[in-house]
């Protein structure tokens, strides 16, 4: 994801964002924008968990269906899902029907709420581990995981989260702006905005 391409509008974007207009829009408006809202961070982590083994465009195309199926990714609602809800979701062609990922999302809602009940704000916890501000990659080389993604993965697993391995966590860090992995000449890199 580190090479770039020029768009028809002469904007230089990360090359991966050139393969589909939906990806281009996502790249320009969301990917790498620092997210500080705890619920939104949790939703994006759940979607990155569903992406495991798939292309991000698959999840992006199904995101609205995911939001509907998981009641807006409101952890308080998802935590109450039962075995009947798992079966309902397994029949929902609008989402990725992977039982382990569905069950993990329900369990992760409970883990999120347990953190909250223990006085740990999800956003403050994650951003605190990252030093409180976006980490700007100046090398142009994009890793699949880092020592920080490994540390966050371990911390989340310790709190009961699943489908939060260091590669998934790193992809999520990129998506939520914890790390800025836009290519150095991308119009979104560093302090550059749309």
Protein backbone atom coordinates (compact mmCIF):
# COMPACT_ATOMS: atom_id res chain seq x y z
CA UNK A 1 0.00 0.00 0.00
CA UNK A 2 2.94 2.32 -0.28
CA UNK A 3 3.11 3.19 -3.96
CA UNK A 4 0.98 5.90 -5.45
CA UNK A 5 -0.99 6.64 -8.57
CA UNK A 6 -2.37 9.83 -10.03
CA UNK A 7 -6.13 10.23 -10.38
CA UNK A 8 -7.92 11.93 -13.23
CA UNK A 9 -8.26 14.98 -10.98
CA UNK A 10 -4.44 14.93 -10.58
CA UNK A 11 -4.68 13.99 -6.92
CA UNK A 12 -1.99 11.56 -5.95
CA UNK A 13 -3.37 8.71 -3.85
CA UNK A 14 -2.07 5.51 -2.36
CA UNK A 15 -2.12 2.94 -5.16
CA UNK A 16 -4.53 0.56 -3.38
CA UNK A 17 -7.17 3.30 -3.49
CA UNK A 18 -7.11 3.35 -7.29
CA UNK A 19 -8.64 -0.08 -7.86
CA UNK A 20 -12.27 0.90 -7.16
CA UNK A 21 -14.10 4.25 -6.83
CA UNK A 22 -15.49 3.14 -3.46
CA UNK A 23 -11.94 2.59 -2.21
CA UNK A 24 -10.93 6.01 -3.54
CA UNK A 25 -13.75 7.69 -1.64
CA UNK A 26 -12.95 5.71 1.51
CA UNK A 27 -9.26 6.62 1.19
CA UNK A 28 -9.98 10.32 0.75
CA UNK A 29 -12.62 10.67 3.46
CA UNK A 30 -11.88 8.06 6.15
CA UNK A 31 -8.74 5.96 5.91
CA UNK A 32 -6.07 7.36 8.17
CA UNK A 33 -8.29 10.04 9.70
CA UNK A 34 -7.70 9.98 13.47
CA UNK A 35 -10.74 8.49 15.19
CA UNK A 36 -11.21 9.24 18.88
CA UNK A 37 -14.77 8.05 19.46
CA UNK A 38 -14.69 4.81 21.46
CA UNK A 39 -17.74 3.25 19.81
CA UNK A 40 -16.52 4.13 16.30
CA UNK A 41 -13.08 2.70 17.09
CA UNK A 42 -14.72 -0.51 18.31
CA UNK A 43 -16.90 -0.76 15.18
CA UNK A 44 -13.90 -0.35 12.90
CA UNK A 45 -11.96 -2.98 14.86
CA UNK A 46 -14.88 -5.40 14.46
CA UNK A 47 -15.02 -4.76 10.71
CA UNK A 48 -11.27 -5.32 10.42
CA UNK A 49 -11.79 -8.62 12.23
CA UNK A 50 -14.37 -9.61 9.62
CA UNK A 51 -11.88 -8.67 6.91
CA UNK A 52 -9.38 -11.35 8.02
CA UNK A 53 -8.66 -13.44 4.94
CA UNK A 54 -10.71 -11.18 2.66
CA UNK A 55 -10.19 -8.00 0.66
CA UNK A 56 -11.18 -4.75 2.37
CA UNK A 57 -13.42 -3.85 -0.58
CA UNK A 58 -15.60 -6.84 0.34
CA UNK A 59 -16.19 -5.42 3.82
CA UNK A 60 -16.60 -1.88 2.54
CA UNK A 61 -19.33 -2.99 0.12
CA UNK A 62 -21.12 -4.81 2.94
CA UNK A 63 -20.57 -2.16 5.64
CA UNK A 64 -24.16 -0.85 5.61
CA UNK A 65 -25.50 -4.40 5.88
CA UNK A 66 -23.09 -5.07 8.77
CA UNK A 67 -24.31 -1.94 10.54
CA UNK A 68 -27.91 -3.02 10.14
CA UNK A 69 -27.22 -6.62 11.20
CA UNK A 70 -25.24 -5.53 14.27
CA UNK A 71 -27.67 -2.77 15.30
CA UNK A 72 -25.32 0.09 14.48
CA UNK A 73 -22.44 -1.60 16.26
CA UNK A 74 -23.71 -0.29 19.58
CA UNK A 75 -21.82 -2.50 22.04
CA UNK A 76 -24.66 -2.42 24.60
CA UNK A 77 -27.00 -3.94 21.99
CA UNK A 78 -24.53 -6.40 20.47
CA UNK A 79 -23.54 -7.71 23.91
CA UNK A 80 -27.13 -8.89 24.40
CA UNK A 81 -27.14 -11.02 21.22
CA UNK A 82 -28.02 -14.66 21.82
CA UNK A 83 -27.52 -17.94 20.00
CA UNK A 84 -30.69 -17.09 18.04
CA UNK A 85 -29.03 -13.88 16.85
CA UNK A 86 -25.97 -15.85 15.77
CA UNK A 87 -28.22 -18.10 13.67
CA UNK A 88 -30.03 -15.05 12.23
CA UNK A 89 -26.69 -13.51 11.26
CA UNK A 90 -25.52 -16.79 9.72
CA UNK A 91 -28.48 -16.49 7.32
CA UNK A 92 -27.80 -12.84 6.44
CA UNK A 93 -26.31 -12.79 2.93
CA UNK A 94 -25.51 -9.10 3.33
CA UNK A 95 -22.63 -9.79 5.72
CA UNK A 96 -19.71 -12.18 5.94
CA UNK A 97 -21.29 -15.30 7.41
CA UNK A 98 -18.43 -16.64 9.49
CA UNK A 99 -19.67 -18.07 12.78
CA UNK A 100 -16.37 -17.54 14.61
CA UNK A 101 -16.26 -13.88 13.56
CA UNK A 102 -19.90 -13.29 14.48
CA UNK A 103 -19.43 -14.90 17.89
CA UNK A 104 -16.20 -12.96 18.40
CA UNK A 105 -18.00 -9.67 17.68
CA UNK A 106 -20.61 -10.47 20.33
CA UNK A 107 -17.89 -11.45 22.80
CA UNK A 108 -15.92 -8.34 21.91
CA UNK A 109 -18.94 -6.17 22.70
CA UNK A 110 -18.99 -7.76 26.15
CA UNK A 111 -15.23 -7.23 26.53
CA UNK A 112 -15.63 -3.58 25.49
CA UNK A 113 -18.36 -3.11 28.11
CA UNK A 114 -16.25 -4.86 30.75
CA UNK A 115 -13.43 -2.38 30.06
CA UNK A 116 -15.94 0.45 30.40
CA UNK A 117 -17.28 -0.96 33.67
CA UNK A 118 -13.70 -1.18 34.98
CA UNK A 119 -13.19 2.50 34.19
CA UNK A 120 -11.17 1.97 31.00
CA UNK A 121 -12.34 4.18 28.16
CA UNK A 122 -11.60 2.32 24.91
CA UNK A 123 -10.36 5.37 23.04
CA UNK A 124 -8.19 6.66 25.89
CA UNK A 125 -6.77 3.16 26.36
CA UNK A 126 -5.83 2.71 22.69
CA UNK A 127 -4.59 6.24 22.05
CA UNK A 128 -2.65 6.13 25.31
CA UNK A 129 -0.77 3.07 24.07
CA UNK A 130 -0.02 4.94 20.83
CA UNK A 131 1.35 8.00 22.60
CA UNK A 132 -1.78 10.14 22.17
CA UNK A 133 -1.23 11.27 18.59
CA UNK A 134 -0.97 9.73 15.11
CA UNK A 135 2.28 7.99 14.25
CA UNK A 136 3.37 9.27 10.83
CA UNK A 137 5.19 6.72 8.68
CA UNK A 138 7.85 8.70 6.84
CA UNK A 139 9.59 5.74 5.20
CA UNK A 140 6.97 4.85 2.61
CA UNK A 141 7.42 1.18 3.56
CA UNK A 142 4.26 -0.25 5.03
CA UNK A 143 4.59 -3.15 7.45
CA UNK A 144 1.86 -5.69 8.14
CA UNK A 145 2.42 -5.44 11.88
CA UNK A 146 4.62 -3.55 14.32
CA UNK A 147 5.74 -3.92 17.93
CA UNK A 148 2.91 -1.53 18.88
CA UNK A 149 0.26 -3.57 17.05
CA UNK A 150 1.60 -6.66 18.83
CA UNK A 151 1.39 -4.85 22.18
CA UNK A 152 -2.17 -3.63 21.53
CA UNK A 153 -3.18 -7.09 20.32
CA UNK A 154 -1.89 -8.69 23.53
CA UNK A 155 -3.60 -6.06 25.69
CA UNK A 156 -6.93 -6.59 23.92
CA UNK A 157 -6.67 -10.38 24.09
CA UNK A 158 -5.91 -10.09 27.81
CA UNK A 159 -9.22 -8.22 28.12
CA UNK A 160 -11.11 -11.00 26.30
CA UNK A 161 -11.12 -9.74 22.70
CA UNK A 162 -10.87 -12.16 19.76
CA UNK A 163 -9.91 -11.66 16.11
CA UNK A 164 -7.50 -8.97 17.19
CA UNK A 165 -4.16 -10.42 16.11
CA UNK A 166 -1.31 -7.98 15.40
CA UNK A 167 -1.95 -7.91 11.63
CA UNK A 168 -5.67 -7.12 12.10
CA UNK A 169 -4.77 -4.54 14.75
CA UNK A 170 -2.24 -2.88 12.44
CA UNK A 171 -4.77 -2.64 9.59
CA UNK A 172 -7.18 -1.09 12.10
CA UNK A 173 -4.50 1.34 13.30
CA UNK A 174 -4.08 2.47 9.68
CA UNK A 175 -7.82 2.81 9.12
CA UNK A 176 -8.39 4.82 12.29
CA UNK A 177 -5.44 7.17 11.88
CA UNK A 178 -3.49 5.82 14.83
CA UNK A 179 -0.78 5.39 12.24
CA UNK A 180 -0.54 7.42 9.03
CA UNK A 181 0.59 5.01 6.34
CA UNK A 182 -0.40 7.16 3.38
CA UNK A 183 2.39 7.06 0.81
CA UNK A 184 4.78 10.02 1.22
CA UNK A 185 3.52 11.68 -1.96
CA UNK A 186 -0.17 10.93 -1.32
CA UNK A 187 -2.32 14.02 -0.95
CA UNK A 188 -3.43 12.71 2.47
CA UNK A 189 0.02 11.99 3.94
CA UNK A 190 0.99 13.68 7.21
CA UNK A 191 -0.58 17.08 7.57
CA UNK A 192 -1.85 17.08 4.00
CA UNK A 193 -5.64 17.03 3.76
CA UNK A 194 -8.13 16.53 0.97
